[in-house]
Amino acid sequence: MELKDIKFDCKYFRGEIPCIPNKLRDKICDTCDEYIPIKTKILIIKLGALGDVIRTTPLVNKYRELYPNSHITWVTLSPDILPKDAIDKIYKYGFDAVYPITHQKYDIAINLDKEPEACALLTDVNAKEKYGFIWNRTENHIDVATPAATHKLITGLFDNISKQNTKSYLEEIFEICGLKFNHESYLLNVNKELVSKWTLLKEKSQGKKIIGLNTGCGKRWSTRLWATDNWIELVRQLQHNNYFPVLLGGVDEDAQNKIYNHETGAYYPGTYSLEEFIAITANCDTIVTAVSMMMHIATGLQKPLILFNNIFNKHEFELYGRGTIVEPTTGCDDYYGNTCTRQHHCMHDISVAAVYDAIVKHS
């Protein structure tokens, strides 16, 4: 075989190492019957946070539908959350990603982050079409690649305008890319072996519905935290009505979850890696959370969801008809705030009864 016979434009071509058809079936380019020429090269820049990365994945499904023979590259700070079988090339952001990306050509390049490094990367990328946010080198500030991104830029800069928004995040990013959101589903990297391991939850539940209670809210948005007494009362009400509550959280929630476990006897599996946390969640029937990352994991797993909300615009959340948003009956004064200005915290105005009723509705 000669150099001219190599199919550099093949979907399976991996550069310096053998492609999968060669590795598994000894195929070589000049006689390969698995050759698929790439018609469209697409780059998605979505660095973080992790929940934002997950909720951007419906774009992949849309582009696969529109461009069946496309090659999709994604650069992110959270590569482990993305399914490798659905995205052709996944880079972890850094020099090893930026250098090759800026030396390739793309048909479509998208940046949905407003951080300077992400905007600068889209500016430097060689692409026929660019969508989202770029860096304006002339005036030295963030800018829009096309007018379609203007609305999203403005709502990010001005809280009073953001409050008026009635579009979900997915509607917004699809519009930015010149697309229409038709409830394309999330993509999520799920370890099936770990999911099988955690079927032990079903054994422990003895046939009861498993309700995953993600009790924390992270350090950044502590204004979303529900009161300890409320969690304890909810757990006891679930137990009394033949549900099997499971306490969920990370390292930051560990001490508090141990208290809930001690007070109620509710099952607490402890803290695990993100991969195993997803597997545990996959074995729950319904999820209750105030954390948007858990919301996106549950949505990716297509789990019914009860989502606490106070400081965000509820319209930005897309629950796919599988959930309920519960909010304080008195509203919230601290839009996107990480401190509460009320003497009586608004999260106290989300009743246990309202949360329990939502669980019953979705269980």
Protein backbone atom coordinates (compact mmCIF):
# COMPACT_ATOMS: atom_id res chain seq x y z
CA MET A 1 0.00 0.00 0.00
CA GLU A 2 1.22 3.53 -0.82
CA LEU A 3 0.74 6.86 0.93
CA LYS A 4 -1.86 7.89 -1.65
CA ASP A 5 -4.01 4.93 -0.62
CA ILE A 6 -4.41 6.08 2.99
CA LYS A 7 -7.91 7.41 3.66
CA PHE A 8 -7.05 10.41 5.81
CA ASP A 9 -10.66 11.60 5.61
CA CYS A 10 -12.11 8.37 7.05
CA LYS A 11 -14.26 8.60 10.17
CA TYR A 12 -12.13 5.87 11.76
CA PHE A 13 -8.75 7.47 11.02
CA ARG A 14 -6.97 8.21 14.33
CA GLY A 15 -3.75 9.78 13.15
CA GLU A 16 -0.64 8.14 14.50
CA ILE A 17 -2.20 4.85 15.67
CA PRO A 18 -4.17 2.04 13.97
CA CYS A 19 -7.89 2.57 13.48
CA ILE A 20 -10.47 0.27 15.10
CA PRO A 21 -11.23 -1.69 11.87
CA ASN A 22 -7.51 -2.41 11.56
CA LYS A 23 -7.08 -3.30 15.22
CA LEU A 24 -10.05 -5.64 15.35
CA ARG A 25 -10.36 -6.93 11.78
CA ASP A 26 -7.00 -6.28 10.07
CA LYS A 27 -8.56 -3.88 7.57
CA ILE A 28 -6.27 -1.61 5.56
CA CYS A 29 -7.26 1.45 3.57
CA ASP A 30 -6.76 0.27 -0.02
CA THR A 31 -9.11 -2.70 0.41
CA CYS A 32 -11.26 -1.63 3.40
CA ASP A 33 -15.01 -1.99 3.05
CA GLU A 34 -15.67 0.02 6.22
CA TYR A 35 -14.42 3.33 4.87
CA ILE A 36 -16.74 6.21 5.84
CA PRO A 37 -15.63 9.62 4.55
CA ILE A 38 -16.19 12.50 6.95
CA LYS A 39 -18.64 14.98 5.46
CA THR A 40 -18.78 17.52 8.30
CA LYS A 41 -16.21 18.30 11.03
CA ILE A 42 -17.76 19.82 14.14
CA LEU A 43 -16.04 21.28 17.21
CA ILE A 44 -17.85 21.91 20.51
CA ILE A 45 -16.11 23.99 23.17
CA LYS A 46 -17.79 23.54 26.54
CA LEU A 47 -15.25 23.52 29.33
CA GLY A 48 -17.32 23.47 32.54
CA ALA A 49 -18.96 23.29 34.97
CA LEU A 50 -19.70 19.59 34.88
CA GLY A 51 -23.48 20.02 34.89
CA ASP A 52 -23.25 22.51 32.03
CA VAL A 53 -21.24 20.01 30.01
CA ILE A 54 -23.90 17.32 30.51
CA ARG A 55 -26.76 19.62 29.53
CA THR A 56 -25.02 20.64 26.32
CA THR A 57 -24.83 17.06 25.00
CA PRO A 58 -28.25 17.16 23.25
CA LEU A 59 -26.43 19.16 20.57
CA VAL A 60 -24.51 16.00 19.67
CA ASN A 61 -27.74 14.11 19.00
CA LYS A 62 -29.04 16.98 16.86
CA TYR A 63 -25.86 17.17 14.80
CA ARG A 64 -25.79 13.40 14.31
CA GLU A 65 -29.31 13.67 12.93
CA LEU A 66 -28.43 16.57 10.61
CA TYR A 67 -24.99 15.31 9.56
CA PRO A 68 -24.88 11.48 9.73
CA ASN A 69 -21.27 11.27 8.54
CA SER A 70 -19.98 13.97 10.84
CA HIS A 71 -16.89 13.90 13.05
CA ILE A 72 -17.48 15.61 16.41
CA THR A 73 -14.67 16.90 18.61
CA TRP A 74 -15.35 18.19 22.13
CA VAL A 75 -12.92 20.07 24.37
CA THR A 76 -13.79 20.24 28.07
CA LEU A 77 -12.46 20.24 31.61
CA SER A 78 -14.66 17.22 32.38
CA PRO A 79 -13.90 14.58 29.71
CA ASP A 80 -14.91 11.62 31.88
CA ILE A 81 -18.57 12.62 31.85
CA LEU A 82 -18.83 12.35 28.06
CA PRO A 83 -19.56 8.99 26.37
CA LYS A 84 -16.66 8.03 24.14
CA ASP A 85 -18.85 5.96 21.85
CA ALA A 86 -20.95 9.00 20.95
CA ILE A 87 -18.24 11.63 20.45
CA ASP A 88 -15.38 10.98 18.06
CA LYS A 89 -12.63 12.94 19.80
CA ILE A 90 -12.68 14.23 23.38
CA TYR A 91 -9.94 16.57 24.57
CA LYS A 92 -9.27 17.71 28.11
CA TYR A 93 -8.65 21.44 27.92
CA GLY A 94 -4.98 22.39 27.99
CA PHE A 95 -2.07 22.88 25.60
CA ASP A 96 -2.42 19.30 24.32
CA ALA A 97 -5.94 20.19 23.21
CA VAL A 98 -5.61 23.80 22.11
CA TYR A 99 -2.56 23.29 19.90
CA PRO A 100 -3.97 20.55 17.63
CA ILE A 101 -7.43 22.13 17.55
CA THR A 102 -6.07 25.44 16.30
CA HIS A 103 -4.13 23.63 13.57
CA GLN A 104 -7.14 21.87 12.07
CA LYS A 105 -10.06 22.93 9.90
CA TYR A 106 -13.68 22.56 10.93
CA ASP A 107 -16.96 23.08 9.17
CA ILE A 108 -18.79 24.12 12.34
CA ALA A 109 -17.26 25.36 15.61
CA ILE A 110 -19.28 26.26 18.70
CA ASN A 111 -18.29 27.85 22.00
CA LEU A 112 -20.98 28.14 24.67
CA ASP A 113 -18.73 29.35 27.51
CA LYS A 114 -18.14 33.02 28.26
CA GLU A 115 -14.76 32.61 29.93
CA PRO A 116 -11.94 34.41 28.06
CA GLU A 117 -9.97 31.21 27.36
CA ALA A 118 -12.95 29.54 25.69
CA CYS A 119 -13.84 32.66 23.69
CA ALA A 120 -10.22 33.08 22.56
CA LEU A 121 -10.10 29.46 21.44
CA LEU A 122 -13.12 29.88 19.17
CA THR A 123 -11.57 33.06 17.77
CA ASP A 124 -8.40 31.13 16.90
CA VAL A 125 -10.17 28.12 15.37
CA ASN A 126 -10.27 27.76 11.60
CA ALA A 127 -13.95 27.06 10.86
CA LYS A 128 -16.38 27.88 8.07
CA GLU A 129 -19.17 28.58 10.56
CA LYS A 130 -18.75 29.78 14.14
CA TYR A 131 -21.48 30.01 16.78
CA GLY A 132 -21.58 31.25 20.34
CA PHE A 133 -19.01 33.47 22.00
CA ILE A 134 -15.67 34.71 20.69
CA TRP A 135 -12.99 37.13 21.83
CA ASN A 136 -12.95 40.50 20.10
CA ARG A 137 -9.25 41.16 19.64
CA THR A 138 -9.76 44.70 18.36
CA GLU A 139 -11.79 45.93 21.34
CA ASN A 140 -10.43 43.38 23.84
CA HIS A 141 -13.69 41.92 25.20
CA ILE A 142 -16.11 39.03 24.85
CA ASP A 143 -18.28 39.18 21.73
CA VAL A 144 -20.80 37.11 19.80
CA ALA A 145 -19.90 34.98 16.81
CA THR A 146 -23.35 35.65 15.32
CA PRO A 147 -26.25 37.88 16.44
CA ALA A 148 -28.11 34.77 17.67
CA ALA A 149 -25.88 34.68 20.77
CA THR A 150 -26.71 38.25 21.78
CA HIS A 151 -29.69 37.33 23.97
CA LYS A 152 -27.66 34.80 25.97
CA LEU A 153 -24.81 37.27 26.43
CA ILE A 154 -27.12 40.01 27.68
CA THR A 155 -29.02 37.77 30.13
CA GLY A 156 -25.67 36.71 31.58
CA LEU A 157 -24.67 40.31 32.19
CA PHE A 158 -27.86 41.80 33.61
CA ASP A 159 -29.87 40.04 36.34
CA ASN A 160 -33.01 42.12 35.82
CA ILE A 161 -33.12 41.09 32.15
CA SER A 162 -32.23 37.49 32.98
CA LYS A 163 -35.27 37.30 35.29
CA GLN A 164 -37.52 38.00 32.32
CA ASN A 165 -36.19 35.09 30.27
CA THR A 166 -38.74 32.36 29.50
CA LYS A 167 -36.52 30.04 27.45
CA SER A 168 -34.76 26.95 28.74
CA TYR A 169 -30.99 26.69 28.47
CA LEU A 170 -31.40 24.10 25.72
CA GLU A 171 -33.74 26.30 23.70
CA GLU A 172 -31.19 29.10 24.00
CA ILE A 173 -28.12 27.14 22.93
CA PHE A 174 -29.95 25.49 20.05
CA GLU A 175 -31.04 28.92 18.82
CA ILE A 176 -27.47 30.17 19.16
CA CYS A 177 -26.43 27.37 16.78
CA GLY A 178 -29.25 28.13 14.33
CA LEU A 179 -31.17 25.01 15.37
CA LYS A 180 -34.55 24.18 16.91
CA PHE A 181 -34.68 22.17 20.12
CA ASN A 182 -37.03 19.18 19.79
CA HIS A 183 -36.32 17.59 23.17
CA GLU A 184 -33.18 15.81 21.98
CA SER A 185 -31.95 13.70 24.87
CA TYR A 186 -28.86 14.01 27.04
CA LEU A 187 -25.75 11.88 26.61
CA LEU A 188 -23.98 10.55 29.70
CA ASN A 189 -21.05 8.23 30.32
CA VAL A 190 -22.52 5.36 32.36
CA ASN A 191 -20.45 2.43 33.63
CA LYS A 192 -22.83 -0.54 33.20
CA GLU A 193 -20.73 -2.82 35.40
CA LEU A 194 -21.01 -0.38 38.30
CA VAL A 195 -24.73 0.01 37.65
CA SER A 196 -25.08 -3.77 38.00
CA LYS A 197 -23.05 -3.70 41.20
CA TRP A 198 -25.42 -1.17 42.76
CA THR A 199 -28.52 -3.23 42.08
CA LEU A 200 -27.92 -4.14 45.71
CA LEU A 201 -30.08 -1.07 46.43
CA LYS A 202 -33.01 -2.96 44.96
CA GLU A 203 -32.23 -5.90 47.24
CA LYS A 204 -32.08 -3.63 50.27
CA SER A 205 -35.31 -1.88 49.32
CA GLN A 206 -37.23 -5.20 49.22
CA GLY A 207 -39.46 -4.01 46.41
CA LYS A 208 -40.06 -0.50 47.74
CA LYS A 209 -39.59 2.54 45.49
CA ILE A 210 -36.05 3.91 45.92
CA ILE A 211 -35.97 7.66 46.46
CA GLY A 212 -32.53 9.22 46.07
CA LEU A 213 -32.17 12.26 48.33
CA ASN A 214 -29.28 14.49 47.29
CA THR A 215 -29.20 16.48 50.52
CA GLY A 216 -26.51 19.11 49.88
CA CYS A 217 -26.21 22.00 47.47
CA GLY A 218 -22.49 22.61 47.10
CA LYS A 219 -20.42 25.41 48.59
CA ARG A 220 -20.97 27.92 45.80
CA TRP A 221 -24.76 28.20 46.12
CA SER A 222 -25.37 27.56 49.81
CA THR A 223 -28.56 29.64 49.57
CA ARG A 224 -30.23 26.53 48.07
CA LEU A 225 -29.75 24.42 51.21
CA TRP A 226 -32.90 22.91 52.73
CA ALA A 227 -33.14 22.74 56.53
CA THR A 228 -31.88 19.68 58.43
CA ASP A 229 -35.23 19.21 60.20
CA ASN A 230 -37.01 19.15 56.84
CA TRP A 231 -34.78 16.40 55.45
CA ILE A 232 -35.27 14.31 58.59
CA GLU A 233 -39.06 14.79 58.46
CA LEU A 234 -39.14 13.91 54.74
CA VAL A 235 -37.11 10.75 55.30
CA ARG A 236 -39.41 9.60 58.09
CA GLN A 237 -42.51 10.32 56.04
CA LEU A 238 -41.10 8.33 53.13
CA GLN A 239 -40.25 5.42 55.39
CA HIS A 240 -43.69 5.52 56.99
CA ASN A 241 -45.32 5.33 53.55
CA ASN A 242 -43.33 2.35 52.32
CA TYR A 243 -40.64 4.14 50.32
CA PHE A 244 -36.91 3.40 50.59
CA PRO A 245 -34.98 6.70 50.92
CA VAL A 246 -31.27 6.68 50.03
CA LEU A 247 -29.03 9.53 51.16
CA LEU A 248 -26.77 10.83 48.40
CA GLY A 249 -23.98 13.38 48.24
CA GLY A 250 -20.28 14.00 47.94
CA VAL A 251 -17.51 14.72 50.41
CA ASP A 252 -19.08 18.06 51.37
CA GLU A 253 -22.30 16.32 52.40
CA ASP A 254 -20.73 13.32 54.11
CA ALA A 255 -20.89 14.56 57.71
CA GLN A 256 -24.49 15.75 57.35
CA ASN A 257 -25.62 12.55 55.65
CA LYS A 258 -24.15 10.55 58.50
CA ILE A 259 -26.30 12.60 60.87
CA TYR A 260 -29.41 11.87 58.78
CA ASN A 261 -28.48 8.20 58.73
CA HIS A 262 -28.06 8.16 62.52
CA GLU A 263 -31.33 10.02 63.13
CA THR A 264 -33.53 8.06 60.72
CA GLY A 265 -31.76 4.83 59.79
CA ALA A 266 -32.05 5.78 56.11
CA TYR A 267 -29.51 3.97 53.96
CA TYR A 268 -26.36 5.97 53.23
CA PRO A 269 -23.88 4.31 50.84
CA GLY A 270 -21.10 6.82 51.54
CA THR A 271 -19.04 8.85 49.08
CA TYR A 272 -17.70 7.55 45.78
CA SER A 273 -16.16 8.67 42.53
CA LEU A 274 -18.35 10.49 40.05
CA GLU A 275 -18.58 7.35 37.92
CA GLU A 276 -19.88 5.30 40.83
CA PHE A 277 -22.15 8.10 42.01
CA ILE A 278 -23.85 7.98 38.60
CA ALA A 279 -24.22 4.20 38.93
CA ILE A 280 -25.86 4.56 42.34
CA THR A 281 -28.22 7.21 40.96
CA ALA A 282 -29.10 4.89 38.08
CA ASN A 283 -30.55 2.43 40.59
CA CYS A 284 -32.90 4.96 42.16
CA ASP A 285 -36.48 5.35 41.01
CA THR A 286 -36.86 9.07 41.75
CA ILE A 287 -34.37 11.81 42.65
CA VAL A 288 -34.77 14.82 44.95
CA THR A 289 -32.09 17.50 44.70
CA ALA A 290 -31.24 21.19 44.92
CA VAL A 291 -28.06 20.70 42.90
CA SER A 292 -28.06 21.35 39.18
CA MET A 293 -25.25 18.82 38.60
CA MET A 294 -27.40 16.06 40.12
CA MET A 295 -30.34 17.39 38.11
CA HIS A 296 -28.37 16.84 34.90
CA ILE A 297 -27.18 13.39 35.96
CA ALA A 298 -30.76 12.37 36.77
CA THR A 299 -31.97 13.87 33.49
CA GLY A 300 -29.26 12.01 31.59
CA LEU A 301 -30.44 8.80 33.26
CA GLN A 302 -34.06 9.73 32.46
CA LYS A 303 -35.06 9.59 36.12
CA PRO A 304 -38.10 11.38 37.54
CA LEU A 305 -36.86 14.46 39.37
CA ILE A 306 -37.95 16.82 42.11
CA LEU A 307 -35.81 19.94 41.88
CA PHE A 308 -35.56 22.63 44.57
CA ASN A 309 -35.18 26.12 43.15
CA ASN A 310 -35.06 29.55 44.68
CA ILE A 311 -32.23 31.71 43.31
CA PHE A 312 -32.43 30.79 39.61
CA ASN A 313 -34.92 31.44 36.83
CA LYS A 314 -36.97 28.24 36.73
CA HIS A 315 -37.49 28.58 32.98
CA GLU A 316 -33.85 27.70 32.32
CA PHE A 317 -34.38 24.12 33.52
CA GLU A 318 -35.56 21.46 31.06
CA LEU A 319 -37.03 18.45 32.87
CA TYR A 320 -38.38 16.67 29.76
CA GLY A 321 -41.78 16.25 31.39
CA ARG A 322 -40.32 13.93 34.02
CA GLY A 323 -40.14 16.23 37.01
CA THR A 324 -41.42 19.01 39.24
CA ILE A 325 -39.72 22.20 40.35
CA VAL A 326 -40.58 23.17 43.94
CA GLU A 327 -39.96 26.74 45.02
CA PRO A 328 -40.49 28.85 48.17
CA THR A 329 -44.09 30.02 48.41
CA THR A 330 -42.77 33.47 49.38
CA GLY A 331 -40.38 33.78 46.44
CA CYS A 332 -36.68 34.66 46.72
CA ASP A 333 -34.95 38.05 47.03
CA ASP A 334 -31.42 36.93 46.10
CA TYR A 335 -31.32 36.10 42.40
CA TYR A 336 -28.11 34.19 41.67
CA GLY A 337 -27.06 35.04 45.22
CA ASN A 338 -24.77 33.03 47.49
CA THR A 339 -25.94 34.81 50.64
CA CYS A 340 -29.48 35.28 51.92
CA THR A 341 -30.60 38.81 52.80
CA ARG A 342 -33.73 37.67 54.67
CA GLN A 343 -33.87 37.00 58.38
CA HIS A 344 -36.19 34.09 57.58
CA HIS A 345 -34.53 32.07 54.79
CA CYS A 346 -36.85 31.49 51.84
CA MET A 347 -35.90 27.79 51.62
CA HIS A 348 -37.81 27.32 54.91
CA ASP A 349 -40.92 28.11 52.88
CA ILE A 350 -40.62 24.90 50.86
CA SER A 351 -42.71 22.52 52.91
CA VAL A 352 -42.07 18.84 53.46
CA ALA A 353 -45.63 18.18 52.33
CA ALA A 354 -45.01 19.86 48.95
CA VAL A 355 -41.87 17.81 48.37
CA TYR A 356 -43.52 14.57 49.47
CA ASP A 357 -46.52 15.18 47.19
CA ALA A 358 -44.16 15.76 44.25
CA ILE A 359 -42.37 12.49 45.02
CA VAL A 360 -45.67 10.60 45.07
CA LYS A 361 -46.61 12.17 41.74
CA HIS A 362 -43.40 10.99 40.09
CA SER A 363 -42.99 7.59 41.74
